[in-house]
Amino acid sequence: MKEQLREHLQGLIRKQSTEIGYMNISKGIAKDIDESKGTFSFFRDGEDDFPDVSLNAFFESEGHFLVVPKEESAVVVGFADGNKDAFLLSASQIEKLLIIIGDFNISIDKSHFLSEIEDSSIKQTKDLIELKNGGSKIEIDSNTIKLNGGSLGGLVLLQGVLARLNNLESLFNSHTHTLTSLTSPTSPPLIPALPLTMQSDLENTDVKQ
């Protein structure tokens, strides 16, 4: 049984090798990295350099994943089609990761994470998270949250505003009753009493702090 399985697997490997050809693997140094073209130059000791190694074997496809090696880092490259095509297999040091799926782009390096689609984006660094959608922007750091730059000042402290309004309303109502007491018992109040402001009168429950 084991012998039959081994022969079957060897037959599959031979069939694949016949259909797609063998791939050679080589280790060297990456230089002249060009993210826009998705290529870099591959250098090996004692051998000619290979100038147009692809960062991804399917770079021209609509969606792809790129590992961008650090300049002059050690890399492993695969050579196919009689060494005419070369592409990155592995890197000892990574400078950046790029993921592109249609209009959706994600970029990651040692300083930030960036996700973009059309006019919307999310950016994160060690100190800041920034969200944008059209003309709207939210910035979050360890101490504050800013909406659209924060030029209008801080958010209202609802409980404080409610307490001060209720104080004013109570004072006004007590003054109104004093005036009313000066009239005859059958006379209506000169000014009707104000109902006390409720939290629900001021609060937008869709946005909380």
Protein backbone atom coordinates (compact mmCIF):
# COMPACT_ATOMS: atom_id res chain seq x y z
CA MET A 1 0.00 0.00 0.00
CA LYS A 2 2.79 2.44 0.94
CA GLU A 3 4.68 1.55 -2.24
CA GLN A 4 1.60 2.23 -4.38
CA LEU A 5 1.03 5.57 -2.67
CA ARG A 6 4.68 6.58 -3.20
CA GLU A 7 4.51 5.66 -6.88
CA HIS A 8 1.26 7.61 -7.27
CA LEU A 9 2.75 10.74 -5.66
CA GLN A 10 5.90 10.46 -7.79
CA GLY A 11 3.74 10.20 -10.88
CA LEU A 12 1.87 13.40 -9.92
CA ILE A 13 5.15 15.24 -9.36
CA ARG A 14 6.50 14.10 -12.74
CA LYS A 15 3.25 15.19 -14.41
CA GLN A 16 3.39 18.66 -12.80
CA SER A 17 7.05 19.05 -13.72
CA THR A 18 6.22 18.21 -17.33
CA GLU A 19 3.32 20.68 -17.46
CA ILE A 20 4.83 23.72 -15.72
CA GLY A 21 8.56 23.05 -15.92
CA TYR A 22 11.14 22.96 -13.15
CA MET A 23 11.92 25.99 -10.98
CA ASN A 24 15.42 26.86 -9.84
CA ILE A 25 15.94 28.55 -6.49
CA SER A 26 18.80 30.90 -5.66
CA LYS A 27 19.83 33.03 -2.71
CA GLY A 28 21.26 36.55 -3.06
CA ILE A 29 20.82 40.25 -2.26
CA ALA A 30 17.96 42.56 -3.25
CA LYS A 31 18.81 46.05 -4.55
CA ASP A 32 17.16 48.85 -6.55
CA ILE A 33 13.67 47.99 -5.30
CA ASP A 34 10.89 49.67 -7.31
CA GLU A 35 7.44 49.34 -5.73
CA SER A 36 5.62 51.00 -8.64
CA LYS A 37 6.97 48.46 -11.12
CA GLY A 38 6.96 45.63 -8.59
CA THR A 39 10.58 44.69 -9.34
CA PHE A 40 14.08 44.63 -7.87
CA SER A 41 17.59 43.68 -8.93
CA PHE A 42 19.01 40.39 -7.70
CA PHE A 43 22.75 40.09 -6.97
CA ARG A 44 24.72 36.91 -6.33
CA ASP A 45 28.41 36.58 -5.53
CA GLY A 46 30.43 35.70 -8.56
CA GLU A 47 27.46 35.68 -10.93
CA ASP A 48 25.73 38.16 -13.22
CA ASP A 49 22.97 40.19 -11.60
CA PHE A 50 19.34 39.71 -12.62
CA PRO A 51 17.77 43.19 -13.05
CA ASP A 52 14.01 42.59 -13.20
CA VAL A 53 12.97 40.16 -10.49
CA SER A 54 9.25 40.43 -9.73
CA LEU A 55 8.07 41.05 -6.17
CA ASN A 56 5.11 38.83 -7.06
CA ALA A 57 4.73 36.23 -9.79
CA PHE A 58 1.26 37.66 -10.52
CA PHE A 59 2.02 41.39 -10.20
CA GLU A 60 -0.10 42.32 -13.23
CA SER A 61 -3.26 40.70 -11.83
CA GLU A 62 -6.14 42.82 -10.50
CA GLY A 63 -5.43 41.82 -6.92
CA HIS A 64 -2.04 40.89 -5.52
CA PHE A 65 0.04 40.66 -2.38
CA LEU A 66 3.52 42.19 -2.31
CA VAL A 67 6.31 41.59 0.16
CA VAL A 68 8.78 44.46 -0.31
CA PRO A 69 12.20 43.45 1.03
CA LYS A 70 14.52 45.90 2.71
CA GLU A 71 17.22 47.32 0.45
CA GLU A 72 20.28 45.01 0.39
CA SER A 73 18.55 42.32 2.45
CA ALA A 74 19.07 38.62 1.74
CA VAL A 75 16.37 37.10 -0.48
CA VAL A 76 15.45 33.78 -2.04
CA VAL A 77 14.37 33.98 -5.69
CA GLY A 78 12.68 31.41 -7.89
CA PHE A 79 13.59 31.12 -11.58
CA ALA A 80 11.13 29.55 -14.02
CA ASP A 81 10.70 29.09 -17.77
CA GLY A 82 14.38 28.46 -18.40
CA ASN A 83 15.40 31.27 -16.02
CA LYS A 84 13.55 33.86 -18.11
CA ASP A 85 11.14 34.69 -15.29
CA ALA A 86 12.23 35.37 -11.72
CA PHE A 87 10.17 36.26 -8.66
CA LEU A 88 10.65 36.72 -4.94
CA LEU A 89 10.03 33.72 -2.69
CA SER A 90 11.33 34.93 0.67
CA ALA A 91 13.19 37.83 2.32
CA SER A 92 15.31 38.08 5.46
CA GLN A 93 14.06 41.63 6.19
CA ILE A 94 10.73 43.13 5.14
CA GLU A 95 10.37 46.85 4.48
CA LYS A 96 6.68 46.87 3.62
CA LEU A 97 3.65 44.70 2.89
CA LEU A 98 1.18 45.74 0.19
CA ILE A 99 -2.22 44.16 -0.44
CA ILE A 100 -4.20 45.32 -3.46
CA ILE A 101 -7.70 43.96 -4.19
CA GLY A 102 -9.54 46.04 -6.78
CA ASP A 103 -9.84 49.58 -5.37
CA PHE A 104 -8.93 48.39 -1.87
CA ASN A 105 -5.30 49.03 -0.84
CA ILE A 106 -3.54 48.07 2.41
CA SER A 107 0.01 49.15 3.23
CA ILE A 108 1.97 48.07 6.32
CA ASP A 109 5.49 49.07 7.32
CA LYS A 110 7.34 49.51 10.61
CA SER A 111 5.82 52.95 11.26
CA HIS A 112 2.19 52.72 10.12
CA PHE A 113 -0.81 50.76 8.88
CA LEU A 114 -2.84 52.32 6.06
CA SER A 115 -6.08 51.06 4.51
CA GLU A 116 -7.62 52.99 1.60
CA ILE A 117 -10.61 52.63 -0.70
CA GLU A 118 -11.68 55.55 -2.90
CA ASP A 119 -11.93 58.63 -0.61
CA SER A 120 -12.03 56.66 2.67
CA SER A 121 -9.01 55.65 4.73
CA ILE A 122 -7.85 54.31 8.09
CA LYS A 123 -4.32 55.12 9.25
CA GLN A 124 -2.70 53.88 12.43
CA THR A 125 0.70 54.75 13.90
CA LYS A 126 2.13 54.16 17.36
CA ASP A 127 0.61 57.42 18.61
CA LEU A 128 -2.42 58.11 16.41
CA ILE A 129 -5.45 56.53 14.74
CA GLU A 130 -6.97 58.57 11.92
CA LEU A 131 -10.22 57.79 10.11
CA LYS A 132 -11.31 59.71 6.99
CA ASN A 133 -14.41 59.51 4.84
CA GLY A 134 -14.78 62.26 2.26
CA GLY A 135 -14.53 65.55 4.14
CA SER A 136 -15.03 64.00 7.59
CA LYS A 137 -12.12 63.05 9.83
CA ILE A 138 -11.67 61.53 13.29
CA GLU A 139 -8.29 61.57 15.06
CA ILE A 140 -7.66 59.50 18.19
CA ASP A 141 -4.53 59.65 20.33
CA SER A 142 -3.85 58.53 23.90
CA ASN A 143 -5.50 61.64 25.40
CA THR A 144 -8.02 63.12 22.97
CA ILE A 145 -10.54 62.46 20.20
CA LYS A 146 -10.82 65.16 17.53
CA LEU A 147 -13.69 65.48 15.08
CA ASN A 148 -12.84 67.35 11.85
CA GLY A 149 -9.79 69.00 13.42
CA GLY A 150 -11.42 69.95 16.73
CA SER A 151 -11.71 73.66 15.87
CA LEU A 152 -15.17 73.97 17.50
CA GLY A 153 -13.85 73.04 20.95
CA GLY A 154 -14.68 70.15 23.25
CA LEU A 155 -17.95 68.27 23.46
CA VAL A 156 -20.57 69.59 25.90
CA LEU A 157 -20.61 68.02 29.38
CA LEU A 158 -24.30 67.19 29.38
CA GLN A 159 -24.82 66.75 33.12
CA GLY A 160 -23.20 70.12 33.88
CA VAL A 161 -25.32 71.95 31.28
CA LEU A 162 -28.48 70.22 32.52
CA ALA A 163 -27.77 71.22 36.15
CA ARG A 164 -27.18 74.87 35.27
CA LEU A 165 -30.32 75.03 33.10
CA ASN A 166 -32.39 73.49 35.89
CA ASN A 167 -31.01 76.03 38.37
CA LEU A 168 -31.96 78.90 36.08
CA GLU A 169 -35.39 77.42 35.43
CA SER A 170 -36.05 76.93 39.16
CA LEU A 171 -34.96 80.49 39.90
CA PHE A 172 -37.20 81.83 37.13
CA ASN A 173 -40.17 79.79 38.34
CA SER A 174 -39.75 80.98 41.93
CA HIS A 175 -39.65 84.57 40.66
CA THR A 176 -42.81 83.94 38.62
CA HIS A 177 -44.68 82.66 41.65
CA THR A 178 -43.62 85.70 43.67
CA LEU A 179 -45.20 87.97 41.08
CA THR A 180 -48.30 85.82 40.99
CA SER A 181 -48.76 86.08 44.74
CA LEU A 182 -49.11 89.85 44.43
CA THR A 183 -52.21 89.50 42.27
CA SER A 184 -55.68 88.55 43.41
CA PRO A 185 -56.29 84.83 44.06
CA THR A 186 -58.37 84.53 40.91
CA SER A 187 -55.85 86.21 38.60
CA PRO A 188 -53.81 83.91 36.32
CA PRO A 189 -50.00 83.93 36.66
CA LEU A 190 -48.38 86.78 34.85
CA ILE A 191 -45.78 84.37 33.37
CA PRO A 192 -46.35 80.60 33.23
CA ALA A 193 -43.84 78.40 35.03
CA LEU A 194 -41.16 76.80 32.85
CA PRO A 195 -40.98 73.01 32.76
CA LEU A 196 -37.58 71.75 33.87
CA THR A 197 -35.30 70.70 31.01
CA MET A 198 -34.79 66.93 30.85
CA GLN A 199 -31.67 65.13 29.66
CA SER A 200 -33.65 63.69 26.76
CA ASP A 201 -34.31 67.27 25.55
CA LEU A 202 -30.59 67.81 24.95
CA GLU A 203 -29.12 64.38 24.28
CA ASN A 204 -28.39 62.72 20.95
CA THR A 205 -28.21 59.08 21.98
CA ASP A 206 -26.61 58.07 18.65
CA VAL A 207 -23.32 59.74 19.71
CA LYS A 208 -21.95 59.00 23.16
CA GLN A 209 -18.88 60.10 25.10
